[in-house]
C-alpha atoms as a PDB file:
ATOM      1  CA  MET A   1      49.354 -23.803 -17.773  1.00  0.00           C
ATOM      2  CA  GLN A   2      47.572 -24.941 -21.819  1.00  0.00           C
ATOM      3  CA  ARG A   3      49.334 -23.686 -24.870  1.00  0.00           C
ATOM      4  CA  ASN A   4      47.290 -23.063 -27.960  1.00  0.00           C
ATOM      5  CA  THR A   5      48.166 -21.100 -30.695  1.00  0.00           C
ATOM      6  CA  SER A   6      46.201 -17.839 -32.178  1.00  0.00           C
ATOM      7  CA  PHE A   7      46.121 -16.508 -35.441  1.00  0.00           C
ATOM      8  CA  ASP A   8      45.292 -13.056 -34.270  1.00  0.00           C
ATOM      9  CA  GLY A   9      47.852 -10.907 -36.666  1.00  0.00           C
ATOM     10  CA  LYS A  10      47.952 -13.761 -39.108  1.00  0.00           C
ATOM     11  CA  SER A  11      44.638 -14.692 -40.002  1.00  0.00           C
ATOM     12  CA  ARG A  12      44.865 -12.893 -43.558  1.00  0.00           C
ATOM     13  CA  THR A  13      48.230 -14.461 -44.249  1.00  0.00           C
ATOM     14  CA  PHE A  14      46.824 -17.704 -43.237  1.00  0.00           C
ATOM     15  CA  SER A  15      43.659 -17.574 -45.367  1.00  0.00           C
ATOM     16  CA  ARG A  16      45.593 -16.317 -48.173  1.00  0.00           C
ATOM     17  CA  ASN A  17      48.571 -18.797 -48.087  1.00  0.00           C
ATOM     18  CA  ILE A  18      46.040 -21.883 -47.011  1.00  0.00           C
ATOM     19  CA  TYR A  19      42.685 -21.373 -48.575  1.00  0.00           C
ATOM     20  CA  GLY A  20      43.586 -19.159 -51.693  1.00  0.00           C
ATOM     21  CA  THR A  21      46.462 -22.003 -53.161  1.00  0.00           C
ATOM     22  CA  THR A  22      45.731 -25.305 -54.581  1.00  0.00           C
ATOM     23  CA  LYS A  23      46.634 -27.106 -51.275  1.00  0.00           C
ATOM     24  CA  GLY A  24      44.017 -25.271 -49.531  1.00  0.00           C
ATOM     25  CA  GLN A  25      41.462 -26.486 -52.332  1.00  0.00           C
ATOM     26  CA  ILE A  26      42.323 -30.111 -51.781  1.00  0.00           C
ATOM     27  CA  ARG A  27      41.734 -29.725 -48.197  1.00  0.00           C
ATOM     28  CA  LEU A  28      38.434 -28.440 -48.404  1.00  0.00           C
ATOM     29  CA  ARG A  29      37.432 -31.004 -51.381  1.00  0.00           C
ATOM     30  CA  VAL A  30      38.694 -33.702 -49.403  1.00  0.00           C
ATOM     31  CA  LEU A  31      36.847 -32.744 -46.448  1.00  0.00           C
ATOM     32  CA  THR A  32      33.790 -32.173 -48.611  1.00  0.00           C
ATOM     33  CA  ARG A  33      33.694 -35.386 -50.560  1.00  0.00           C
ATOM     34  CA  ASP A  34      34.226 -37.468 -47.153  1.00  0.00           C
ATOM     35  CA  LEU A  35      31.511 -35.783 -45.013  1.00  0.00           C
ATOM     36  CA  ASP A  36      29.209 -36.000 -48.149  1.00  0.00           C
ATOM     37  CA  GLU A  37      29.839 -39.995 -48.155  1.00  0.00           C
ATOM     38  CA  TRP A  38      30.661 -40.626 -44.460  1.00  0.00           C
ATOM     39  CA  LEU A  39      28.022 -38.743 -42.528  1.00  0.00           C
ATOM     40  CA  PRO A  40      24.972 -40.762 -41.880  1.00  0.00           C
ATOM     41  CA  ALA A  41      21.690 -39.394 -43.206  1.00  0.00           C
ATOM     42  CA  ALA A  42      20.162 -37.258 -40.579  1.00  0.00           C
ATOM     43  CA  SER A  43      16.557 -37.430 -39.457  1.00  0.00           C
ATOM     44  CA  ARG A  44      16.544 -33.921 -38.109  1.00  0.00           C
ATOM     45  CA  PRO A  45      19.040 -30.772 -37.891  1.00  0.00           C
ATOM     46  CA  LEU A  46      22.163 -31.097 -36.238  1.00  0.00           C
ATOM     47  CA  ARG A  47      23.966 -29.461 -33.674  1.00  0.00           C
ATOM     48  CA  ILE A  48      27.578 -28.783 -34.908  1.00  0.00           C
ATOM     49  CA  LEU A  49      30.753 -27.908 -32.940  1.00  0.00           C
ATOM     50  CA  ASP A  50      33.406 -26.294 -35.299  1.00  0.00           C
ATOM     51  CA  ALA A  51      36.260 -26.415 -32.942  1.00  0.00           C
ATOM     52  CA  GLY A  52      38.972 -23.854 -33.623  1.00  0.00           C
ATOM     53  CA  GLY A  53      36.861 -23.793 -37.026  1.00  0.00           C
ATOM     54  CA  GLY A  54      38.499 -20.307 -38.133  1.00  0.00           C
ATOM     55  CA  PHE A  55      36.222 -18.758 -40.570  1.00  0.00           C
ATOM     56  CA  GLY A  56      34.310 -21.740 -40.808  1.00  0.00           C
ATOM     57  CA  PRO A  57      34.565 -23.106 -44.483  1.00  0.00           C
ATOM     58  CA  VAL A  58      33.108 -26.145 -44.237  1.00  0.00           C
ATOM     59  CA  SER A  59      30.651 -25.854 -41.445  1.00  0.00           C
ATOM     60  CA  GLN A  60      29.131 -22.805 -43.290  1.00  0.00           C
ATOM     61  CA  ARG A  61      28.130 -25.445 -46.080  1.00  0.00           C
ATOM     62  CA  LEU A  62      26.405 -27.349 -43.500  1.00  0.00           C
ATOM     63  CA  ALA A  63      24.878 -24.301 -42.061  1.00  0.00           C
ATOM     64  CA  GLY A  64      23.098 -23.838 -45.412  1.00  0.00           C
ATOM     65  CA  GLU A  65      21.950 -27.540 -45.628  1.00  0.00           C
ATOM     66  CA  GLY A  66      19.697 -26.137 -42.486  1.00  0.00           C
ATOM     67  CA  HIS A  67      21.883 -27.496 -39.625  1.00  0.00           C
ATOM     68  CA  SER A  68      23.018 -25.324 -36.366  1.00  0.00           C
ATOM     69  CA  VAL A  69      26.515 -24.533 -35.640  1.00  0.00           C
ATOM     70  CA  VAL A  70      28.429 -23.245 -32.919  1.00  0.00           C
ATOM     71  CA  LEU A  71      31.957 -22.087 -34.021  1.00  0.00           C
ATOM     72  CA  CYS A  72      34.618 -21.257 -31.211  1.00  0.00           C
ATOM     73  CA  ASP A  73      38.215 -19.835 -32.197  1.00  0.00           C
ATOM     74  CA  LEU A  74      40.953 -18.802 -30.102  1.00  0.00           C
ATOM     75  CA  SER A  75      41.343 -15.774 -32.649  1.00  0.00           C
ATOM     76  CA  ALA A  76      38.994 -12.851 -32.497  1.00  0.00           C
ATOM     77  CA  GLU A  77      40.351 -11.675 -36.262  1.00  0.00           C
ATOM     78  CA  MET A  78      39.094 -15.006 -37.563  1.00  0.00           C
ATOM     79  CA  LEU A  79      35.370 -14.689 -35.926  1.00  0.00           C
ATOM     80  CA  ASP A  80      35.349 -11.477 -37.179  1.00  0.00           C
ATOM     81  CA  GLU A  81      35.785 -13.046 -40.503  1.00  0.00           C
ATOM     82  CA  ALA A  82      33.375 -15.837 -40.315  1.00  0.00           C
ATOM     83  CA  ARG A  83      30.378 -13.288 -38.981  1.00  0.00           C
ATOM     84  CA  GLU A  84      31.191 -11.566 -42.151  1.00  0.00           C
ATOM     85  CA  GLN A  85      30.695 -14.444 -44.546  1.00  0.00           C
ATOM     86  CA  VAL A  86      28.213 -15.753 -42.306  1.00  0.00           C
ATOM     87  CA  GLN A  87      25.901 -12.783 -42.823  1.00  0.00           C
ATOM     88  CA  GLU A  88      26.775 -12.321 -46.581  1.00  0.00           C
ATOM     89  CA  LYS A  89      25.506 -15.810 -46.886  1.00  0.00           C
ATOM     90  CA  GLY A  90      22.214 -15.299 -44.811  1.00  0.00           C
ATOM     91  CA  LEU A  91      23.070 -17.973 -42.196  1.00  0.00           C
ATOM     92  CA  SER A  92      23.286 -15.753 -39.301  1.00  0.00           C
ATOM     93  CA  GLU A  93      20.471 -17.648 -37.616  1.00  0.00           C
ATOM     94  CA  GLN A  94      22.509 -20.845 -38.068  1.00  0.00           C
ATOM     95  CA  PHE A  95      25.600 -19.601 -36.253  1.00  0.00           C
ATOM     96  CA  ASP A  96      26.363 -19.219 -32.377  1.00  0.00           C
ATOM     97  CA  PHE A  97      29.985 -17.937 -32.070  1.00  0.00           C
ATOM     98  CA  ILE A  98      32.379 -18.546 -29.087  1.00  0.00           C
ATOM     99  CA  HIS A  99      35.607 -16.204 -28.438  1.00  0.00           C
ATOM    100  CA  GLY A 100      38.386 -18.515 -26.466  1.00  0.00           C
ATOM    101  CA  PRO A 101      40.131 -21.782 -25.977  1.00  0.00           C
ATOM    102  CA  ILE A 102      38.202 -24.997 -27.072  1.00  0.00           C
ATOM    103  CA  GLN A 103      39.446 -26.333 -23.457  1.00  0.00           C
ATOM    104  CA  SER A 104      37.335 -23.698 -21.750  1.00  0.00           C
ATOM    105  CA  LEU A 105      33.982 -25.468 -23.460  1.00  0.00           C
ATOM    106  CA  LEU A 106      31.966 -27.665 -21.074  1.00  0.00           C
ATOM    107  CA  PRO A 107      28.865 -29.136 -21.541  1.00  0.00           C
ATOM    108  CA  ALA A 108      27.223 -27.604 -18.469  1.00  0.00           C
ATOM    109  CA  ASP A 109      27.595 -24.637 -20.438  1.00  0.00           C
ATOM    110  CA  ILE A 110      26.699 -25.390 -24.078  1.00  0.00           C
ATOM    111  CA  GLY A 111      25.077 -28.603 -23.771  1.00  0.00           C
ATOM    112  CA  GLN A 112      26.349 -31.696 -26.083  1.00  0.00           C
ATOM    113  CA  PHE A 113      26.687 -31.925 -30.310  1.00  0.00           C
ATOM    114  CA  ASP A 114      25.692 -34.233 -32.671  1.00  0.00           C
ATOM    115  CA  LEU A 115      28.803 -33.703 -34.974  1.00  0.00           C
ATOM    116  CA  ILE A 116      32.011 -32.262 -33.898  1.00  0.00           C
ATOM    117  CA  PHE A 117      34.640 -30.693 -36.501  1.00  0.00           C
ATOM    118  CA  CYS A 118      38.292 -30.503 -35.717  1.00  0.00           C
ATOM    119  CA  HIS A 119      40.207 -29.595 -38.339  1.00  0.00           C
ATOM    120  CA  ALA A 120      44.052 -28.306 -38.415  1.00  0.00           C
ATOM    121  CA  VAL A 121      43.626 -27.760 -34.678  1.00  0.00           C
ATOM    122  CA  LEU A 122      45.556 -30.634 -32.945  1.00  0.00           C
ATOM    123  CA  GLU A 123      48.677 -29.752 -34.136  1.00  0.00           C
ATOM    124  CA  TRP A 124      48.780 -26.227 -32.696  1.00  0.00           C
ATOM    125  CA  VAL A 125      47.775 -27.850 -29.013  1.00  0.00           C
ATOM    126  CA  GLU A 126      50.342 -28.821 -26.594  1.00  0.00           C
ATOM    127  CA  ASP A 127      48.240 -31.174 -24.756  1.00  0.00           C
ATOM    128  CA  GLN A 128      46.585 -33.287 -27.516  1.00  0.00           C
ATOM    129  CA  ALA A 129      45.323 -35.970 -25.539  1.00  0.00           C
ATOM    130  CA  GLY A 130      43.187 -33.834 -22.967  1.00  0.00           C
ATOM    131  CA  LEU A 131      41.719 -31.832 -26.200  1.00  0.00           C
ATOM    132  CA  LEU A 132      40.308 -34.681 -27.568  1.00  0.00           C
ATOM    133  CA  ALA A 133      39.017 -35.795 -24.326  1.00  0.00           C
ATOM    134  CA  GLY A 134      37.288 -32.599 -23.771  1.00  0.00           C
ATOM    135  CA  LEU A 135      36.116 -32.772 -27.360  1.00  0.00           C
ATOM    136  CA  ASN A 136      34.832 -36.160 -26.015  1.00  0.00           C
ATOM    137  CA  ASP A 137      32.761 -35.008 -23.385  1.00  0.00           C
ATOM    138  CA  LEU A 138      30.972 -32.389 -25.794  1.00  0.00           C
ATOM    139  CA  LEU A 139      29.883 -35.231 -28.115  1.00  0.00           C
ATOM    140  CA  ARG A 140      26.514 -37.146 -27.341  1.00  0.00           C
ATOM    141  CA  SER A 141      26.749 -40.752 -27.289  1.00  0.00           C
ATOM    142  CA  ASP A 142      26.228 -41.962 -30.863  1.00  0.00           C
ATOM    143  CA  GLY A 143      27.656 -38.788 -32.423  1.00  0.00           C
ATOM    144  CA  HIS A 144      30.469 -38.478 -34.822  1.00  0.00           C
ATOM    145  CA  LEU A 145      33.993 -36.580 -34.753  1.00  0.00           C
ATOM    146  CA  SER A 146      35.568 -35.476 -37.890  1.00  0.00           C
ATOM    147  CA  LEU A 147      39.397 -34.711 -36.914  1.00  0.00           C
ATOM    148  CA  MET A 148      42.044 -33.463 -39.475  1.00  0.00           C
ATOM    149  CA  TYR A 149      45.474 -33.047 -37.980  1.00  0.00           C
ATOM    150  CA  TYR A 150      48.961 -32.623 -39.331  1.00  0.00           C
ATOM    151  CA  ASN A 151      50.668 -35.957 -40.059  1.00  0.00           C
ATOM    152  CA  ARG A 152      54.441 -35.873 -38.234  1.00  0.00           C
ATOM    153  CA  ASP A 153      54.892 -39.204 -40.576  1.00  0.00           C
ATOM    154  CA  ALA A 154      54.539 -37.262 -43.649  1.00  0.00           C
ATOM    155  CA  LEU A 155      56.676 -34.577 -42.455  1.00  0.00           C
ATOM    156  CA  LEU A 156      59.225 -36.923 -41.800  1.00  0.00           C
ATOM    157  CA  TYR A 157      59.073 -38.248 -45.256  1.00  0.00           C
ATOM    158  CA  HIS A 158      58.876 -34.697 -46.879  1.00  0.00           C
ATOM    159  CA  SER A 159      62.004 -33.824 -45.058  1.00  0.00           C
ATOM    160  CA  LEU A 160      63.880 -37.196 -45.737  1.00  0.00           C
ATOM    161  CA  VAL A 161      63.485 -36.723 -49.702  1.00  0.00           C
ATOM    162  CA  LYS A 162      64.024 -33.046 -49.552  1.00  0.00           C
ATOM    163  CA  GLY A 163      67.618 -34.073 -47.650  1.00  0.00           C
ATOM    164  CA  ASN A 164      66.958 -32.057 -44.756  1.00  0.00           C
ATOM    165  CA  PHE A 165      68.858 -34.070 -42.607  1.00  0.00           C
ATOM    166  CA  ASP A 166      69.523 -31.706 -39.904  1.00  0.00           C
ATOM    167  CA  TYR A 167      65.921 -31.362 -39.685  1.00  0.00           C
ATOM    168  CA  VAL A 168      65.415 -34.907 -39.267  1.00  0.00           C
ATOM    169  CA  ASN A 169      68.462 -35.540 -37.124  1.00  0.00           C
ATOM    170  CA  ALA A 170      67.113 -32.406 -34.807  1.00  0.00           C
ATOM    171  CA  ASN A 171      63.602 -34.558 -34.328  1.00  0.00           C
ATOM    172  CA  LEU A 172      61.922 -32.084 -36.619  1.00  0.00           C
ATOM    173  CA  VAL A 173      62.416 -29.279 -34.779  1.00  0.00           C
ATOM    174  CA  LYS A 174      63.536 -26.015 -35.974  1.00  0.00           C
ATOM    175  CA  LYS A 175      65.777 -23.477 -34.354  1.00  0.00           C
ATOM    176  CA  ARG A 176      63.812 -20.813 -35.256  1.00  0.00           C
ATOM    177  CA  ARG A 177      59.987 -21.036 -35.165  1.00  0.00           C
ATOM    178  CA  GLN A 178      58.023 -20.717 -38.461  1.00  0.00           C
ATOM    179  CA  LYS A 179      54.997 -18.769 -37.899  1.00  0.00           C
ATOM    180  CA  LEU A 180      52.488 -21.053 -39.826  1.00  0.00           C
ATOM    181  CA  THR A 181      54.618 -24.190 -38.788  1.00  0.00           C
ATOM    182  CA  PRO A 182      52.702 -26.157 -36.601  1.00  0.00           C
ATOM    183  CA  GLY A 183      54.259 -26.759 -32.962  1.00  0.00           C
ATOM    184  CA  TRP A 184      53.225 -30.611 -32.424  1.00  0.00           C
ATOM    185  CA  PRO A 185      52.826 -32.338 -35.323  1.00  0.00           C
ATOM    186  CA  CYS A 186      50.892 -35.644 -34.707  1.00  0.00           C
ATOM    187  CA  ARG A 187      51.754 -39.439 -35.201  1.00  0.00           C
ATOM    188  CA  PRO A 188      48.537 -40.897 -36.746  1.00  0.00           C
ATOM    189  CA  GLN A 189      49.212 -44.193 -34.497  1.00  0.00           C
ATOM    190  CA  GLN A 190      49.333 -42.186 -31.391  1.00  0.00           C
ATOM    191  CA  VAL A 191      45.954 -40.287 -32.517  1.00  0.00           C
ATOM    192  CA  ASP A 192      44.568 -43.836 -33.325  1.00  0.00           C
ATOM    193  CA  ASP A 193      45.458 -44.752 -29.987  1.00  0.00           C
ATOM    194  CA  TRP A 194      43.959 -41.779 -28.222  1.00  0.00           C
ATOM    195  CA  LEU A 195      40.761 -42.189 -29.657  1.00  0.00           C
ATOM    196  CA  SER A 196      40.475 -45.690 -29.204  1.00  0.00           C
ATOM    197  CA  GLU A 197      40.724 -45.170 -25.583  1.00  0.00           C
ATOM    198  CA  LEU A 198      38.143 -42.678 -25.544  1.00  0.00           C
ATOM    199  CA  GLY A 199      35.741 -45.377 -26.944  1.00  0.00           C
ATOM    200  CA  PHE A 200      35.644 -43.717 -30.434  1.00  0.00           C
ATOM    201  CA  VAL A 201      35.508 -46.495 -33.809  1.00  0.00           C
ATOM    202  CA  ILE A 202      37.406 -44.883 -36.735  1.00  0.00           C
ATOM    203  CA  THR A 203      35.061 -45.506 -39.715  1.00  0.00           C
ATOM    204  CA  GLY A 204      36.807 -43.552 -42.583  1.00  0.00           C
ATOM    205  CA  ARG A 205      40.176 -42.167 -43.212  1.00  0.00           C
ATOM    206  CA  SER A 206      41.713 -40.058 -45.857  1.00  0.00           C
ATOM    207  CA  GLY A 207      45.283 -38.615 -46.441  1.00  0.00           C
ATOM    208  CA  VAL A 208      44.979 -34.989 -47.392  1.00  0.00           C
ATOM    209  CA  ARG A 209      47.827 -33.817 -50.025  1.00  0.00           C
ATOM    210  CA  VAL A 210      49.100 -37.189 -50.530  1.00  0.00           C
ATOM    211  CA  PHE A 211      51.577 -36.367 -53.473  1.00  0.00           C
ATOM    212  CA  HIS A 212      51.115 -32.522 -54.088  1.00  0.00           C
ATOM    213  CA  ASP A 213      53.591 -31.186 -51.636  1.00  0.00           C
ATOM    214  CA  TYR A 214      56.282 -33.793 -53.017  1.00  0.00           C
ATOM    215  CA  MET A 215      55.984 -32.950 -56.423  1.00  0.00           C
ATOM    216  CA  SER A 216      59.414 -31.323 -57.940  1.00  0.00           C
ATOM    217  CA  ASN A 217      60.904 -31.117 -61.481  1.00  0.00           C
ATOM    218  CA  VAL A 218      57.656 -32.111 -63.294  1.00  0.00           C
ATOM    219  CA  HIS A 219      58.271 -33.074 -67.090  1.00  0.00           C
ATOM    220  CA  GLY A 220      56.050 -31.346 -69.200  1.00  0.00           C
ATOM    221  CA  PRO A 221      53.368 -28.828 -68.806  1.00  0.00           C
ATOM    222  CA  PHE A 222      52.682 -28.568 -65.424  1.00  0.00           C
ATOM    223  CA  PRO A 223      49.015 -30.177 -64.507  1.00  0.00           C
ATOM    224  CA  THR A 224      45.991 -27.634 -63.761  1.00  0.00           C
ATOM    225  CA  GLU A 225      44.707 -27.266 -60.355  1.00  0.00           C
ATOM    226  CA  GLU A 226      41.701 -29.211 -61.256  1.00  0.00           C
ATOM    227  CA  GLU A 227      43.599 -31.951 -62.355  1.00  0.00           C
ATOM    228  CA  VAL A 228      45.783 -32.305 -59.058  1.00  0.00           C
ATOM    229  CA  ILE A 229      42.733 -32.241 -57.120  1.00  0.00           C
ATOM    230  CA  ALA A 230      41.205 -34.883 -59.262  1.00  0.00           C
ATOM    231  CA  MET A 231      43.832 -37.072 -58.515  1.00  0.00           C
ATOM    232  CA  GLU A 232      44.403 -36.242 -55.077  1.00  0.00           C
ATOM    233  CA  LEU A 233      40.856 -37.448 -54.553  1.00  0.00           C
ATOM    234  CA  ALA A 234      41.538 -40.521 -56.763  1.00  0.00           C
ATOM    235  CA  HIS A 235      44.584 -41.469 -54.217  1.00  0.00           C
ATOM    236  CA  SER A 236      43.585 -40.194 -50.983  1.00  0.00           C
ATOM    237  CA  ARG A 237      42.105 -43.785 -49.755  1.00  0.00           C
ATOM    238  CA  THR A 238      44.746 -45.857 -51.445  1.00  0.00           C
ATOM    239  CA  GLU A 239      47.157 -47.769 -49.528  1.00  0.00           C
ATOM    240  CA  PRO A 240      50.206 -46.682 -49.377  1.00  0.00           C
ATOM    241  CA  PHE A 241      49.572 -43.166 -50.547  1.00  0.00           C
ATOM    242  CA  MET A 242      47.106 -42.172 -48.020  1.00  0.00           C
ATOM    243  CA  HIS A 243      49.607 -42.220 -45.119  1.00  0.00           C
ATOM    244  CA  LEU A 244      51.784 -40.041 -47.145  1.00  0.00           C
ATOM    245  CA  GLY A 245      49.061 -37.385 -46.872  1.00  0.00           C
ATOM    246  CA  ARG A 246      50.515 -33.904 -45.231  1.00  0.00           C
ATOM    247  CA  TYR A 247      47.514 -34.025 -43.087  1.00  0.00           C
ATOM    248  CA  MET A 248      45.037 -37.140 -41.789  1.00  0.00           C
ATOM    249  CA  HIS A 249      41.349 -36.630 -41.740  1.00  0.00           C
ATOM    250  CA  VAL A 250      39.756 -39.454 -39.862  1.00  0.00           C
ATOM    251  CA  PHE A 251      36.008 -40.090 -39.379  1.00  0.00           C
ATOM    252  CA  ALA A 252      35.297 -41.030 -35.541  1.00  0.00           C
ATOM    253  CA  HIS A 253      32.002 -42.680 -34.027  1.00  0.00           C
ATOM    254  CA  LYS A 254      31.527 -42.230 -30.635  1.00  0.00           C
ATOM    255  CA  HIS A 255      29.372 -45.377 -29.584  1.00  0.00           C
ATOM    256  CA  ALA A 256      26.415 -45.459 -27.067  1.00  0.00           C
ATOM    257  CA  PRO A 257      27.533 -47.183 -23.889  1.00  0.00           C
ATOM    258  CA  PRO A 258      25.742 -50.450 -23.273  1.00  0.00           C
ATOM    259  CA  GLY A 259      21.941 -49.899 -22.059  1.00  0.00           C
ATOM    260  CA  LEU A 260      21.880 -46.216 -23.397  1.00  0.00           C
ATOM    261  CA  THR A 261      19.209 -45.957 -26.279  1.00  0.00           C
ATOM    262  CA  PRO A 262      21.216 -43.482 -28.562  1.00  0.00           C
ATOM    263  CA  GLY A 263      19.072 -41.119 -30.134  1.00  0.00           C
ATOM    264  CA  GLY A 264      20.372 -41.382 -33.647  1.00  0.00           C
ATOM    265  CA  ILE A 265      21.306 -38.742 -36.139  1.00  0.00           C
END
């Protein structure tokens, strides 16, 4: 049986604690910058799947550019929030909503997509390889996958510098599950291997919150939110800081099989 995590009952807390904070703004700014730079110029409106997209903060922006979006989420509360925001922005014609697990989506039912977002979802799913395989089936040849996931390596490093050795010795498993702490943080090398096995080529990579979560005992005036975001953007693709990001964002291209002429974005 698949184990997924729904945010029903926690949607407002999630929205406030994530997107209403500096760390949430860092996430959105990194994703926006990356997509602006990495997404190939489109010769036609794209068909986008926002898989586990919550209220769709990233896909709403692309819908505003004329692209069509299917937003799927396990949380009915998140989808209600998405519908309200989409309606307020006059984007209702650009959106379709599906309430349910991503694993239930089949190409025979909803077709394939030019671009798939899967942001901060993988770490909430037990069968991560299976989820990626399902997304691969939903992505057309020559399409692109924007995948952001919780970085287990950064979680380990953060625990070490904080001196939480009991947590490290417990293999990063808490005695009591925290409501907003992902159950299955991801090792970047493992994710890269899964993507490679599916035929993806990673064309872009950024760290998300490469230093923000490690800041403590700041001397002098604490920097403003905009200063922190600017510095995060400046270091998000720089070695070795990129790999310290609390999240990793990878942009992957699904190559068309030999002999198949891709439609092109």
